[in-house]
């Protein structure tokens, strides 16, 4: 019997792309580079700092400047991260239904805790999440199963009785490997390069409220 529904944050519950893109472009401008249009940034927004720095500067973790640029990006993001970020349509109505079904709900994100908690406080959820697991809450972030297992432990639920909803490959991988029912949120930041047909999610939905029939399917 279903006990809980967990969600990714960026690109699943909240549209964070504009603020992430603003932080990236400010960093690019400070380094004498041209800012990027949002239609390039948006599909990468769920890929985190690594993906954004790869997009903007074509560097990865093997680059000697990566850590310095990562810190510079996060410092810039701290000045912008609540400016334009909002909940996606239908999120609060969905959460109302989840609570009405007497299910628990929570968030498992790779976003650092320093941003996650403050952002959640300002997003205006109709009911607050009953567990919040950030990218630095456990020793490993998604696609590791550690954040997923920790969230279920905190809620007192079994992973096999939990749905996880996300919009990135690492979300589906972490959920599946933890034994959860996985749902791909196609309203998020999927790009044309993503090969989501190979990710192996249990379901793919186009709107948040389309999750309700899936919940009902597993509730009893």
N, C-alpha and C. Protein backbone atom coordinates (compact mmCIF):
# COMPACT_ATOMS: atom_id res chain seq x y z
N UNK A 1 0.85 -1.20 0.00
CA UNK A 1 0.00 0.00 0.00
C UNK A 1 0.88 1.25 0.00
N UNK A 2 0.53 2.21 -0.82
CA UNK A 2 1.31 3.44 -0.94
C UNK A 2 1.30 4.22 0.37
N UNK A 3 2.49 4.72 0.74
CA UNK A 3 2.62 5.47 1.98
C UNK A 3 3.07 6.92 1.78
N UNK A 4 3.84 7.17 0.71
CA UNK A 4 4.43 8.50 0.56
C UNK A 4 4.71 8.82 -0.90
N UNK A 5 4.75 10.12 -1.18
CA UNK A 5 5.14 10.63 -2.50
C UNK A 5 6.27 11.62 -2.30
N UNK A 6 7.39 11.37 -2.95
CA UNK A 6 8.56 12.25 -2.87
C UNK A 6 8.81 12.90 -4.22
N UNK A 7 9.37 14.10 -4.19
CA UNK A 7 9.59 14.87 -5.40
C UNK A 7 11.01 15.43 -5.43
N UNK A 8 11.55 15.54 -6.65
CA UNK A 8 12.69 16.41 -6.91
C UNK A 8 12.20 17.85 -6.78
N UNK A 9 13.10 18.79 -6.69
CA UNK A 9 12.71 20.20 -6.55
C UNK A 9 12.82 20.96 -7.87
N UNK A 10 14.05 21.17 -8.36
CA UNK A 10 14.25 21.96 -9.58
C UNK A 10 13.67 21.23 -10.78
N UNK A 11 12.78 21.89 -11.50
CA UNK A 11 12.23 21.29 -12.72
C UNK A 11 11.11 20.31 -12.47
N UNK A 12 10.76 20.08 -11.21
CA UNK A 12 9.66 19.16 -10.88
C UNK A 12 8.60 19.88 -10.07
N UNK A 13 8.99 20.42 -8.93
CA UNK A 13 8.07 21.23 -8.13
C UNK A 13 8.18 22.72 -8.47
N UNK A 14 9.41 23.17 -8.68
CA UNK A 14 9.65 24.60 -8.86
C UNK A 14 10.39 24.89 -10.16
N UNK A 15 9.99 25.99 -10.78
CA UNK A 15 10.65 26.47 -11.99
C UNK A 15 11.77 27.41 -11.57
N UNK A 16 12.97 26.87 -11.48
CA UNK A 16 14.13 27.61 -10.99
C UNK A 16 15.05 28.09 -12.11
N UNK A 17 14.68 27.81 -13.34
CA UNK A 17 15.61 28.02 -14.46
C UNK A 17 16.01 29.49 -14.64
N UNK A 18 15.08 30.41 -14.46
CA UNK A 18 15.40 31.82 -14.68
C UNK A 18 16.46 32.31 -13.69
N UNK A 19 16.33 31.93 -12.43
CA UNK A 19 17.31 32.38 -11.45
C UNK A 19 18.66 31.69 -11.63
N UNK A 20 18.64 30.41 -12.01
CA UNK A 20 19.89 29.72 -12.30
C UNK A 20 20.58 30.35 -13.52
N UNK A 21 19.79 30.63 -14.54
CA UNK A 21 20.34 31.25 -15.74
C UNK A 21 20.89 32.63 -15.47
N UNK A 22 20.21 33.39 -14.62
CA UNK A 22 20.69 34.72 -14.26
C UNK A 22 22.05 34.63 -13.56
N UNK A 23 22.18 33.68 -12.63
CA UNK A 23 23.44 33.52 -11.93
C UNK A 23 24.56 33.12 -12.88
N UNK A 24 24.26 32.21 -13.79
CA UNK A 24 25.27 31.79 -14.77
C UNK A 24 25.68 32.96 -15.65
N UNK A 25 24.71 33.72 -16.13
CA UNK A 25 25.04 34.82 -17.03
C UNK A 25 25.82 35.92 -16.32
N UNK A 26 25.52 36.18 -15.06
CA UNK A 26 26.31 37.16 -14.31
C UNK A 26 27.76 36.72 -14.18
N UNK A 27 27.93 35.42 -13.95
CA UNK A 27 29.28 34.88 -13.86
C UNK A 27 30.01 35.01 -15.19
N UNK A 28 29.32 34.70 -16.28
CA UNK A 28 29.92 34.82 -17.61
C UNK A 28 30.32 36.27 -17.90
N UNK A 29 29.44 37.20 -17.59
CA UNK A 29 29.72 38.62 -17.84
C UNK A 29 30.93 39.07 -17.03
N UNK A 30 31.00 38.64 -15.77
CA UNK A 30 32.15 39.03 -14.93
C UNK A 30 33.46 38.51 -15.49
N UNK A 31 33.40 37.44 -16.25
CA UNK A 31 34.62 36.88 -16.84
C UNK A 31 34.82 37.31 -18.29
N UNK A 32 34.05 38.30 -18.72
CA UNK A 32 34.21 38.85 -20.06
C UNK A 32 33.61 38.00 -21.16
N UNK A 33 32.68 37.12 -20.80
CA UNK A 33 32.04 36.24 -21.78
C UNK A 33 30.61 36.69 -22.04
N UNK A 34 30.06 36.23 -23.15
CA UNK A 34 28.70 36.63 -23.52
C UNK A 34 27.66 35.81 -22.75
N UNK A 35 26.59 36.46 -22.30
CA UNK A 35 25.52 35.72 -21.63
C UNK A 35 24.80 34.79 -22.60
N UNK A 36 24.16 33.78 -22.05
CA UNK A 36 23.47 32.79 -22.86
C UNK A 36 21.96 33.02 -22.85
N UNK A 37 21.29 32.77 -23.97
CA UNK A 37 19.82 32.88 -23.97
C UNK A 37 19.19 31.78 -23.12
N UNK A 38 18.03 32.07 -22.56
CA UNK A 38 17.39 31.13 -21.65
C UNK A 38 16.97 29.84 -22.33
N UNK A 39 16.73 29.87 -23.64
CA UNK A 39 16.34 28.62 -24.30
C UNK A 39 17.49 27.62 -24.35
N UNK A 40 18.72 28.08 -24.14
CA UNK A 40 19.85 27.17 -24.00
C UNK A 40 20.04 26.72 -22.56
N UNK A 41 19.76 27.62 -21.63
CA UNK A 41 19.98 27.31 -20.22
C UNK A 41 18.90 26.37 -19.69
N UNK A 42 17.66 26.60 -20.09
CA UNK A 42 16.52 25.89 -19.49
C UNK A 42 16.67 24.36 -19.52
N UNK A 43 17.04 23.76 -20.66
CA UNK A 43 17.14 22.30 -20.67
C UNK A 43 18.26 21.74 -19.79
N UNK A 44 19.17 22.60 -19.35
CA UNK A 44 20.32 22.16 -18.54
C UNK A 44 20.08 22.46 -17.05
N UNK A 45 18.99 23.14 -16.74
CA UNK A 45 18.78 23.63 -15.38
C UNK A 45 18.75 22.52 -14.34
N UNK A 46 18.30 21.33 -14.71
CA UNK A 46 18.26 20.22 -13.76
C UNK A 46 19.61 19.52 -13.60
N UNK A 47 20.58 19.91 -14.39
CA UNK A 47 21.89 19.25 -14.34
C UNK A 47 22.81 19.85 -13.29
N UNK A 48 22.32 20.84 -12.56
CA UNK A 48 23.07 21.40 -11.45
C UNK A 48 24.24 22.25 -11.89
N UNK A 49 25.08 22.59 -10.92
CA UNK A 49 26.23 23.46 -11.19
C UNK A 49 27.14 22.87 -12.25
N UNK A 50 27.38 21.56 -12.20
CA UNK A 50 28.25 20.91 -13.19
C UNK A 50 27.75 21.15 -14.60
N UNK A 51 26.46 20.91 -14.80
CA UNK A 51 25.89 21.07 -16.12
C UNK A 51 25.90 22.50 -16.61
N UNK A 52 25.62 23.43 -15.70
CA UNK A 52 25.59 24.84 -16.09
C UNK A 52 26.98 25.37 -16.42
N UNK A 53 27.98 24.97 -15.64
CA UNK A 53 29.35 25.40 -15.95
C UNK A 53 29.86 24.75 -17.23
N UNK A 54 29.45 23.53 -17.48
CA UNK A 54 29.81 22.87 -18.74
C UNK A 54 29.20 23.62 -19.91
N UNK A 55 27.93 24.02 -19.76
CA UNK A 55 27.25 24.76 -20.82
C UNK A 55 27.91 26.12 -21.05
N UNK A 56 28.14 26.85 -19.97
CA UNK A 56 28.61 28.22 -20.11
C UNK A 56 30.08 28.37 -20.41
N UNK A 57 30.90 27.46 -19.88
CA UNK A 57 32.35 27.61 -19.99
C UNK A 57 33.07 26.39 -20.53
N UNK A 58 32.30 25.35 -20.80
CA UNK A 58 32.85 24.10 -21.34
C UNK A 58 33.95 23.53 -20.44
N UNK A 59 33.68 23.52 -19.13
CA UNK A 59 34.62 22.91 -18.20
C UNK A 59 33.89 21.84 -17.39
N UNK A 60 34.66 20.91 -16.86
CA UNK A 60 34.08 19.89 -15.99
C UNK A 60 34.93 19.76 -14.74
N UNK A 61 34.64 18.75 -13.92
CA UNK A 61 35.31 18.61 -12.63
C UNK A 61 36.80 18.34 -12.75
N UNK A 62 37.25 17.91 -13.91
CA UNK A 62 38.69 17.67 -14.10
C UNK A 62 39.47 18.95 -14.35
N UNK A 63 38.76 20.04 -14.61
CA UNK A 63 39.42 21.31 -14.89
C UNK A 63 39.94 21.93 -13.60
N UNK A 64 41.12 22.52 -13.66
CA UNK A 64 41.74 23.09 -12.46
C UNK A 64 40.94 24.25 -11.89
N UNK A 65 40.14 24.91 -12.71
CA UNK A 65 39.36 26.06 -12.26
C UNK A 65 37.97 25.67 -11.77
N UNK A 66 37.61 24.40 -11.85
CA UNK A 66 36.22 24.01 -11.59
C UNK A 66 35.75 24.42 -10.20
N UNK A 67 36.50 24.08 -9.18
CA UNK A 67 36.05 24.36 -7.81
C UNK A 67 35.91 25.86 -7.57
N UNK A 68 36.84 26.64 -8.10
CA UNK A 68 36.78 28.09 -7.94
C UNK A 68 35.53 28.65 -8.64
N UNK A 69 35.29 28.16 -9.85
CA UNK A 69 34.12 28.64 -10.60
C UNK A 69 32.82 28.16 -9.97
N UNK A 70 32.83 26.96 -9.41
CA UNK A 70 31.65 26.46 -8.72
C UNK A 70 31.30 27.37 -7.54
N UNK A 71 32.29 27.74 -6.76
CA UNK A 71 32.04 28.63 -5.62
C UNK A 71 31.57 30.00 -6.09
N UNK A 72 32.15 30.48 -7.18
CA UNK A 72 31.74 31.79 -7.71
C UNK A 72 30.29 31.73 -8.20
N UNK A 73 29.93 30.63 -8.86
CA UNK A 73 28.55 30.48 -9.33
C UNK A 73 27.57 30.44 -8.15
N UNK A 74 27.90 29.65 -7.14
CA UNK A 74 27.00 29.52 -5.98
C UNK A 74 26.86 30.85 -5.24
N UNK A 75 27.95 31.60 -5.16
CA UNK A 75 27.88 32.92 -4.54
C UNK A 75 26.97 33.85 -5.32
N UNK A 76 27.05 33.77 -6.64
CA UNK A 76 26.18 34.60 -7.49
C UNK A 76 24.73 34.14 -7.37
N UNK A 77 24.53 32.83 -7.35
CA UNK A 77 23.17 32.28 -7.25
C UNK A 77 22.51 32.68 -5.94
N UNK A 78 23.30 32.81 -4.90
CA UNK A 78 22.74 33.20 -3.59
C UNK A 78 22.10 34.57 -3.64
N UNK A 79 22.51 35.41 -4.57
CA UNK A 79 21.94 36.76 -4.69
C UNK A 79 20.68 36.78 -5.56
N UNK A 80 20.39 35.67 -6.26
CA UNK A 80 19.28 35.69 -7.23
C UNK A 80 18.25 34.58 -7.03
N UNK A 81 18.53 33.59 -6.16
CA UNK A 81 17.81 32.32 -6.26
C UNK A 81 16.34 32.37 -5.89
N UNK A 82 15.90 33.45 -5.28
CA UNK A 82 14.46 33.58 -4.97
C UNK A 82 13.77 34.66 -5.80
N UNK A 83 14.47 35.24 -6.76
CA UNK A 83 13.90 36.37 -7.49
C UNK A 83 12.72 36.00 -8.37
N UNK A 84 12.87 34.94 -9.16
CA UNK A 84 11.84 34.60 -10.15
C UNK A 84 11.37 33.15 -10.05
N UNK A 85 11.88 32.40 -9.09
CA UNK A 85 11.50 31.00 -8.94
C UNK A 85 10.08 30.90 -8.38
N UNK A 86 9.27 30.08 -9.03
CA UNK A 86 7.88 29.86 -8.60
C UNK A 86 7.54 28.38 -8.70
N UNK A 87 6.45 27.99 -8.05
CA UNK A 87 5.95 26.63 -8.21
C UNK A 87 5.36 26.47 -9.60
N UNK A 88 5.50 25.28 -10.17
CA UNK A 88 4.82 24.99 -11.42
C UNK A 88 3.31 24.94 -11.18
N UNK A 89 2.52 25.23 -12.22
CA UNK A 89 1.06 25.10 -12.09
C UNK A 89 0.67 23.68 -11.65
N UNK A 90 -0.38 23.60 -10.87
CA UNK A 90 -0.98 22.35 -10.38
C UNK A 90 -0.23 21.71 -9.22
N UNK A 91 0.89 22.28 -8.79
CA UNK A 91 1.63 21.65 -7.69
C UNK A 91 0.85 21.71 -6.39
N UNK A 92 0.37 22.87 -6.02
CA UNK A 92 -0.37 22.96 -4.75
C UNK A 92 -1.68 22.17 -4.78
N UNK A 93 -2.45 22.18 -5.86
CA UNK A 93 -3.62 21.29 -5.90
C UNK A 93 -3.25 19.82 -5.76
N UNK A 94 -2.12 19.41 -6.34
CA UNK A 94 -1.67 18.03 -6.20
C UNK A 94 -1.33 17.71 -4.75
N UNK A 95 -0.62 18.60 -4.10
CA UNK A 95 -0.24 18.37 -2.70
C UNK A 95 -1.48 18.31 -1.81
N UNK A 96 -2.46 19.15 -2.09
CA UNK A 96 -3.72 19.08 -1.34
C UNK A 96 -4.34 17.70 -1.43
N UNK A 97 -4.33 17.13 -2.62
CA UNK A 97 -4.92 15.80 -2.82
C UNK A 97 -4.09 14.73 -2.10
N UNK A 98 -2.78 14.86 -2.14
CA UNK A 98 -1.92 13.89 -1.46
C UNK A 98 -2.20 13.90 0.04
N UNK A 99 -2.31 15.07 0.62
CA UNK A 99 -2.62 15.18 2.04
C UNK A 99 -4.02 14.65 2.35
N UNK A 100 -4.97 14.94 1.46
CA UNK A 100 -6.34 14.46 1.66
C UNK A 100 -6.40 12.93 1.64
N UNK A 101 -5.48 12.30 0.91
CA UNK A 101 -5.41 10.84 0.87
C UNK A 101 -4.65 10.26 2.06
N UNK A 102 -4.24 11.13 2.97
CA UNK A 102 -3.50 10.75 4.18
C UNK A 102 -2.16 10.08 3.85
N UNK A 103 -1.53 10.59 2.78
CA UNK A 103 -0.18 10.16 2.41
C UNK A 103 0.83 11.20 2.88
N UNK A 104 2.05 10.76 3.10
CA UNK A 104 3.12 11.67 3.44
C UNK A 104 3.77 12.18 2.16
N UNK A 105 4.37 13.38 2.23
CA UNK A 105 5.06 13.89 1.05
C UNK A 105 6.35 14.60 1.47
N UNK A 106 7.31 14.62 0.54
CA UNK A 106 8.57 15.26 0.85
C UNK A 106 9.38 15.56 -0.39
N UNK A 107 10.56 16.11 -0.17
CA UNK A 107 11.43 16.57 -1.25
C UNK A 107 12.81 15.94 -1.09
N UNK A 108 13.32 15.38 -2.19
CA UNK A 108 14.71 14.90 -2.25
C UNK A 108 15.37 15.58 -3.44
N UNK A 109 16.28 16.48 -3.16
CA UNK A 109 16.91 17.30 -4.19
C UNK A 109 18.42 17.24 -4.06
N UNK A 110 19.11 17.55 -5.15
CA UNK A 110 20.57 17.68 -5.09
C UNK A 110 20.99 19.12 -4.79
N UNK A 111 20.03 20.00 -4.62
CA UNK A 111 20.34 21.39 -4.30
C UNK A 111 20.97 21.48 -2.91
N UNK A 112 22.01 22.29 -2.73
CA UNK A 112 22.61 22.43 -1.40
C UNK A 112 21.60 22.94 -0.37
N UNK A 113 21.75 22.49 0.86
CA UNK A 113 20.81 22.82 1.94
C UNK A 113 20.66 24.33 2.13
N UNK A 114 21.75 25.07 1.95
CA UNK A 114 21.70 26.51 2.17
C UNK A 114 20.68 27.18 1.27
N UNK A 115 20.44 26.62 0.08
CA UNK A 115 19.42 27.15 -0.82
C UNK A 115 18.07 26.47 -0.62
N UNK A 116 18.08 25.18 -0.42
CA UNK A 116 16.84 24.40 -0.37
C UNK A 116 15.88 24.93 0.69
N UNK A 117 16.34 25.03 1.92
CA UNK A 117 15.44 25.39 3.01
C UNK A 117 14.87 26.79 2.85
N UNK A 118 15.70 27.73 2.45
CA UNK A 118 15.21 29.10 2.28
C UNK A 118 14.24 29.20 1.11
N UNK A 119 14.53 28.46 0.03
CA UNK A 119 13.64 28.50 -1.12
C UNK A 119 12.29 27.89 -0.80
N UNK A 120 12.30 26.75 -0.12
CA UNK A 120 11.04 26.09 0.24
C UNK A 120 10.19 27.00 1.12
N UNK A 121 10.83 27.73 2.01
CA UNK A 121 10.10 28.66 2.89
C UNK A 121 9.36 29.73 2.10
N UNK A 122 9.90 30.09 0.92
CA UNK A 122 9.32 31.19 0.15
C UNK A 122 8.41 30.74 -0.99
N UNK A 123 8.37 29.45 -1.28
CA UNK A 123 7.62 28.98 -2.45
C UNK A 123 6.11 28.95 -2.22
N UNK A 124 5.68 28.90 -0.99
CA UNK A 124 4.25 28.94 -0.71
C UNK A 124 3.54 27.62 -0.88
N UNK A 125 4.15 26.54 -0.43
CA UNK A 125 3.47 25.24 -0.47
C UNK A 125 2.24 25.28 0.43
N UNK A 126 1.15 24.70 -0.06
CA UNK A 126 -0.09 24.71 0.70
C UNK A 126 0.04 23.90 1.99
N UNK A 127 0.85 22.85 1.94
CA UNK A 127 1.25 22.09 3.13
C UNK A 127 2.76 21.89 3.06
N UNK A 128 3.48 22.13 4.14
CA UNK A 128 4.94 21.98 4.09
C UNK A 128 5.35 20.53 3.92
N UNK A 129 6.47 20.28 3.25
CA UNK A 129 6.96 18.89 3.11
C UNK A 129 7.28 18.31 4.48
N UNK A 130 7.01 17.01 4.60
CA UNK A 130 7.26 16.34 5.88
C UNK A 130 8.69 15.83 6.01
N UNK A 131 9.42 15.84 4.92
CA UNK A 131 10.86 15.58 4.95
C UNK A 131 11.51 16.37 3.82
N UNK A 132 12.70 16.90 4.09
CA UNK A 132 13.49 17.60 3.09
C UNK A 132 14.90 17.04 3.12
N UNK A 133 15.33 16.47 2.00
CA UNK A 133 16.68 15.94 1.88
C UNK A 133 17.38 16.72 0.77
N UNK A 134 18.45 17.42 1.14
CA UNK A 134 19.20 18.23 0.18
C UNK A 134 20.40 17.45 -0.34
N UNK A 135 21.11 18.06 -1.27
CA UNK A 135 22.24 17.39 -1.89
C UNK A 135 23.38 17.10 -0.93
N UNK A 136 23.44 17.85 0.17
CA UNK A 136 24.50 17.64 1.15
C UNK A 136 23.97 17.12 2.48
N UNK A 137 22.74 16.61 2.50
CA UNK A 137 22.19 16.04 3.73
C UNK A 137 22.86 14.70 4.04
N UNK A 138 23.04 13.89 3.01
CA UNK A 138 23.72 12.60 3.17
C UNK A 138 25.10 12.67 2.51
N UNK A 139 25.88 11.63 2.68
CA UNK A 139 27.26 11.65 2.18
C UNK A 139 27.33 11.62 0.66
N UNK A 140 26.26 11.20 0.00
CA UNK A 140 26.22 11.17 -1.46
C UNK A 140 24.88 11.71 -1.92
N UNK A 141 24.89 12.38 -3.06
CA UNK A 141 23.66 12.90 -3.66
C UNK A 141 23.16 11.94 -4.74
N UNK A 142 21.97 12.20 -5.28
CA UNK A 142 21.48 11.39 -6.39
C UNK A 142 22.48 11.45 -7.54
N UNK A 143 22.73 10.36 -8.24
CA UNK A 143 21.92 9.14 -8.36
C UNK A 143 22.13 8.09 -7.28
N UNK A 144 22.92 8.39 -6.26
CA UNK A 144 23.04 7.47 -5.13
C UNK A 144 21.66 7.25 -4.51
N UNK A 145 21.46 6.08 -3.94
CA UNK A 145 20.20 5.81 -3.24
C UNK A 145 20.19 6.36 -1.82
N UNK A 146 21.33 6.83 -1.34
CA UNK A 146 21.40 7.26 0.07
C UNK A 146 20.37 8.34 0.43
N UNK A 147 20.19 9.38 -0.41
CA UNK A 147 19.17 10.37 -0.05
C UNK A 147 17.75 9.79 -0.03
N UNK A 148 17.48 8.86 -0.93
CA UNK A 148 16.15 8.25 -1.01
C UNK A 148 15.87 7.41 0.23
N UNK A 149 16.85 6.61 0.61
CA UNK A 149 16.70 5.75 1.79
C UNK A 149 16.58 6.58 3.05
N UNK A 150 17.34 7.66 3.12
CA UNK A 150 17.28 8.54 4.29
C UNK A 150 15.90 9.19 4.41
N UNK A 151 15.35 9.64 3.28
CA UNK A 151 14.02 10.27 3.30
C UNK A 151 12.97 9.29 3.81
N UNK A 152 13.02 8.06 3.32
CA UNK A 152 12.04 7.06 3.76
C UNK A 152 12.22 6.71 5.23
N UNK A 153 13.47 6.67 5.65
CA UNK A 153 13.74 6.39 7.07
C UNK A 153 13.14 7.49 7.95
N UNK A 154 13.31 8.73 7.52
CA UNK A 154 12.78 9.85 8.29
C UNK A 154 11.26 9.85 8.34
N UNK A 155 10.64 9.41 7.26
CA UNK A 155 9.18 9.35 7.20
C UNK A 155 8.61 8.09 7.84
N UNK A 156 9.46 7.09 8.03
CA UNK A 156 8.99 5.83 8.57
C UNK A 156 8.19 5.02 7.57
N UNK A 157 8.63 5.07 6.30
CA UNK A 157 7.93 4.33 5.24
C UNK A 157 8.91 3.40 4.54
N UNK A 158 8.37 2.42 3.84
CA UNK A 158 9.16 1.48 3.05
C UNK A 158 9.34 2.04 1.65
N UNK A 159 10.53 1.89 1.08
CA UNK A 159 10.78 2.44 -0.26
C UNK A 159 9.83 1.87 -1.30
N UNK A 160 9.44 0.61 -1.16
CA UNK A 160 8.56 0.01 -2.17
C UNK A 160 7.15 0.58 -2.11
N UNK A 161 6.84 1.29 -1.04
CA UNK A 161 5.54 1.94 -0.88
C UNK A 161 5.63 3.45 -1.11
N UNK A 162 6.61 3.84 -1.92
CA UNK A 162 6.87 5.26 -2.15
C UNK A 162 6.98 5.55 -3.64
N UNK A 163 6.37 6.64 -4.07
CA UNK A 163 6.52 7.15 -5.43
C UNK A 163 7.56 8.27 -5.41
N UNK A 164 8.45 8.26 -6.41
CA UNK A 164 9.38 9.37 -6.57
C UNK A 164 9.19 10.00 -7.94
N UNK A 165 9.02 11.33 -7.95
CA UNK A 165 8.77 12.08 -9.17
C UNK A 165 9.95 13.01 -9.44
N UNK A 166 10.53 12.93 -10.64
CA UNK A 166 11.64 13.80 -11.00
C UNK A 166 11.72 14.00 -12.50
N UNK A 167 12.59 14.91 -12.91
CA UNK A 167 12.67 15.24 -14.34
C UNK A 167 14.04 14.97 -14.95
N UNK A 168 14.90 14.26 -14.23
CA UNK A 168 16.25 14.00 -14.73
C UNK A 168 16.59 12.52 -14.61
N UNK A 169 17.58 12.11 -15.38
CA UNK A 169 17.99 10.70 -15.37
C UNK A 169 18.40 10.24 -13.98
N UNK A 170 19.12 11.09 -13.26
CA UNK A 170 19.58 10.70 -11.92
C UNK A 170 18.41 10.49 -10.96
N UNK A 171 17.31 11.20 -11.19
CA UNK A 171 16.12 11.01 -10.35
C UNK A 171 15.55 9.61 -10.53
N UNK A 172 15.40 9.22 -11.79
CA UNK A 172 14.83 7.90 -12.09
C UNK A 172 15.77 6.81 -11.63
N UNK A 173 17.06 7.00 -11.85
CA UNK A 173 18.05 5.99 -11.44
C UNK A 173 18.05 5.81 -9.93
N UNK A 174 18.04 6.91 -9.19
CA UNK A 174 18.06 6.82 -7.72
C UNK A 174 16.78 6.17 -7.20
N UNK A 175 15.64 6.57 -7.76
CA UNK A 175 14.38 6.00 -7.32
C UNK A 175 14.27 4.52 -7.61
N UNK A 176 14.65 4.12 -8.82
CA UNK A 176 14.56 2.71 -9.20
C UNK A 176 15.48 1.85 -8.33
N UNK A 177 16.71 2.32 -8.16
CA UNK A 177 17.67 1.54 -7.38
C UNK A 177 17.30 1.45 -5.91
N UNK A 178 16.49 2.40 -5.45
CA UNK A 178 16.01 2.35 -4.06
C UNK A 178 14.74 1.50 -3.93
N UNK A 179 14.21 1.04 -5.05
CA UNK A 179 13.01 0.21 -5.02
C UNK A 179 11.71 0.98 -5.05
N UNK A 180 11.76 2.25 -5.45
CA UNK A 180 10.57 3.09 -5.49
C UNK A 180 9.85 2.98 -6.84
N UNK A 181 8.61 3.42 -6.85
CA UNK A 181 7.86 3.60 -8.09
C UNK A 181 8.31 4.94 -8.67
N UNK A 182 8.80 4.96 -9.90
CA UNK A 182 9.37 6.18 -10.46
C UNK A 182 8.47 6.80 -11.51
N UNK A 183 8.40 8.13 -11.46
CA UNK A 183 7.56 8.89 -12.39
C UNK A 183 8.39 10.03 -12.97
N UNK A 184 8.45 10.10 -14.29
CA UNK A 184 9.19 11.15 -14.98
C UNK A 184 8.26 12.34 -15.24
N UNK A 185 8.68 13.52 -14.79
CA UNK A 185 7.91 14.74 -14.97
C UNK A 185 8.35 15.43 -16.25
N UNK A 186 7.54 15.33 -17.28
CA UNK A 186 7.97 15.85 -18.58
C UNK A 186 7.81 17.37 -18.69
N UNK A 187 7.14 18.01 -17.69
CA UNK A 187 7.02 19.46 -17.72
C UNK A 187 8.31 20.14 -17.26
N UNK A 188 9.28 19.36 -16.82
CA UNK A 188 10.52 19.90 -16.29
C UNK A 188 11.50 20.29 -17.38
N UNK A 189 12.78 20.02 -17.14
CA UNK A 189 13.82 20.54 -18.00
C UNK A 189 14.42 19.48 -18.91
N UNK A 190 13.60 18.61 -19.45
CA UNK A 190 14.08 17.63 -20.42
C UNK A 190 14.56 18.35 -21.68
N UNK A 191 15.64 17.87 -22.26
CA UNK A 191 16.14 18.45 -23.50
C UNK A 191 16.03 17.44 -24.62
N UNK A 192 16.25 17.92 -25.83
CA UNK A 192 16.18 17.03 -26.99
C UNK A 192 17.29 15.97 -26.94
N UNK A 193 18.36 16.25 -26.22
CA UNK A 193 19.47 15.30 -26.12
C UNK A 193 19.21 14.21 -25.09
N UNK A 194 18.24 14.44 -24.20
CA UNK A 194 17.93 13.43 -23.19
C UNK A 194 17.27 12.22 -23.85
N UNK A 195 17.71 11.05 -23.50
CA UNK A 195 17.14 9.82 -24.05
C UNK A 195 16.32 9.14 -22.97
N UNK A 196 15.22 9.83 -22.57
CA UNK A 196 14.44 9.34 -21.43
C UNK A 196 13.77 8.00 -21.69
N UNK A 197 13.66 7.62 -22.95
CA UNK A 197 13.07 6.31 -23.26
C UNK A 197 13.96 5.17 -22.75
N UNK A 198 15.22 5.49 -22.45
CA UNK A 198 16.14 4.47 -21.94
C UNK A 198 16.29 4.49 -20.42
N UNK A 199 15.59 5.41 -19.76
CA UNK A 199 15.80 5.58 -18.33
C UNK A 199 15.05 4.54 -17.49
N UNK A 200 13.99 3.99 -18.04
CA UNK A 200 13.29 2.91 -17.35
C UNK A 200 12.32 3.34 -16.28
N UNK A 201 11.81 4.57 -16.37
CA UNK A 201 10.80 5.01 -15.39
C UNK A 201 9.54 4.16 -15.50
N UNK A 202 8.81 4.07 -14.42
CA UNK A 202 7.56 3.31 -14.43
C UNK A 202 6.44 4.06 -15.15
N UNK A 203 6.45 5.38 -15.02
CA UNK A 203 5.43 6.22 -15.65
C UNK A 203 6.05 7.53 -16.11
N UNK A 204 5.43 8.13 -17.12
CA UNK A 204 5.80 9.48 -17.56
C UNK A 204 4.52 10.30 -17.63
N UNK A 205 4.53 11.47 -17.03
CA UNK A 205 3.33 12.31 -17.01
C UNK A 205 3.67 13.71 -17.54
N UNK A 206 2.64 14.37 -18.09
CA UNK A 206 2.84 15.68 -18.70
C UNK A 206 2.42 16.84 -17.81
N UNK A 207 1.64 16.57 -16.77
CA UNK A 207 1.21 17.61 -15.84
C UNK A 207 1.21 17.03 -14.42
N UNK A 208 1.38 17.86 -13.41
CA UNK A 208 1.39 17.34 -12.04
C UNK A 208 0.14 16.57 -11.64
N UNK A 209 -1.04 17.05 -12.00
CA UNK A 209 -2.27 16.38 -11.58
C UNK A 209 -2.46 15.02 -12.26
N UNK A 210 -1.70 14.77 -13.32
CA UNK A 210 -1.74 13.44 -13.95
C UNK A 210 -1.14 12.38 -13.04
N UNK A 211 -0.53 12.81 -11.94
CA UNK A 211 0.00 11.85 -10.97
C UNK A 211 -1.11 11.18 -10.17
N UNK A 212 -2.25 11.83 -10.05
CA UNK A 212 -3.31 11.32 -9.17
C UNK A 212 -3.79 9.92 -9.54
N UNK A 213 -4.05 9.60 -10.81
CA UNK A 213 -4.46 8.23 -11.13
C UNK A 213 -3.40 7.18 -10.78
N UNK A 214 -2.13 7.57 -10.87
CA UNK A 214 -1.05 6.65 -10.50
C UNK A 214 -1.07 6.41 -8.99
N UNK A 215 -1.26 7.47 -8.24
CA UNK A 215 -1.36 7.33 -6.78
C UNK A 215 -2.52 6.40 -6.42
N UNK A 216 -3.66 6.60 -7.04
CA UNK A 216 -4.83 5.76 -6.74
C UNK A 216 -4.58 4.30 -7.09
N UNK A 217 -3.82 4.09 -8.15
CA UNK A 217 -3.50 2.73 -8.58
C UNK A 217 -2.74 1.94 -7.51
N UNK A 218 -1.91 2.65 -6.75
CA UNK A 218 -1.05 1.98 -5.77
C UNK A 218 -1.51 2.18 -4.32
N UNK A 219 -2.60 2.92 -4.14
CA UNK A 219 -2.96 3.27 -2.77
C UNK A 219 -3.55 2.11 -1.98
N UNK A 220 -4.20 1.19 -2.69
CA UNK A 220 -4.85 0.10 -1.96
C UNK A 220 -4.39 -1.26 -2.48
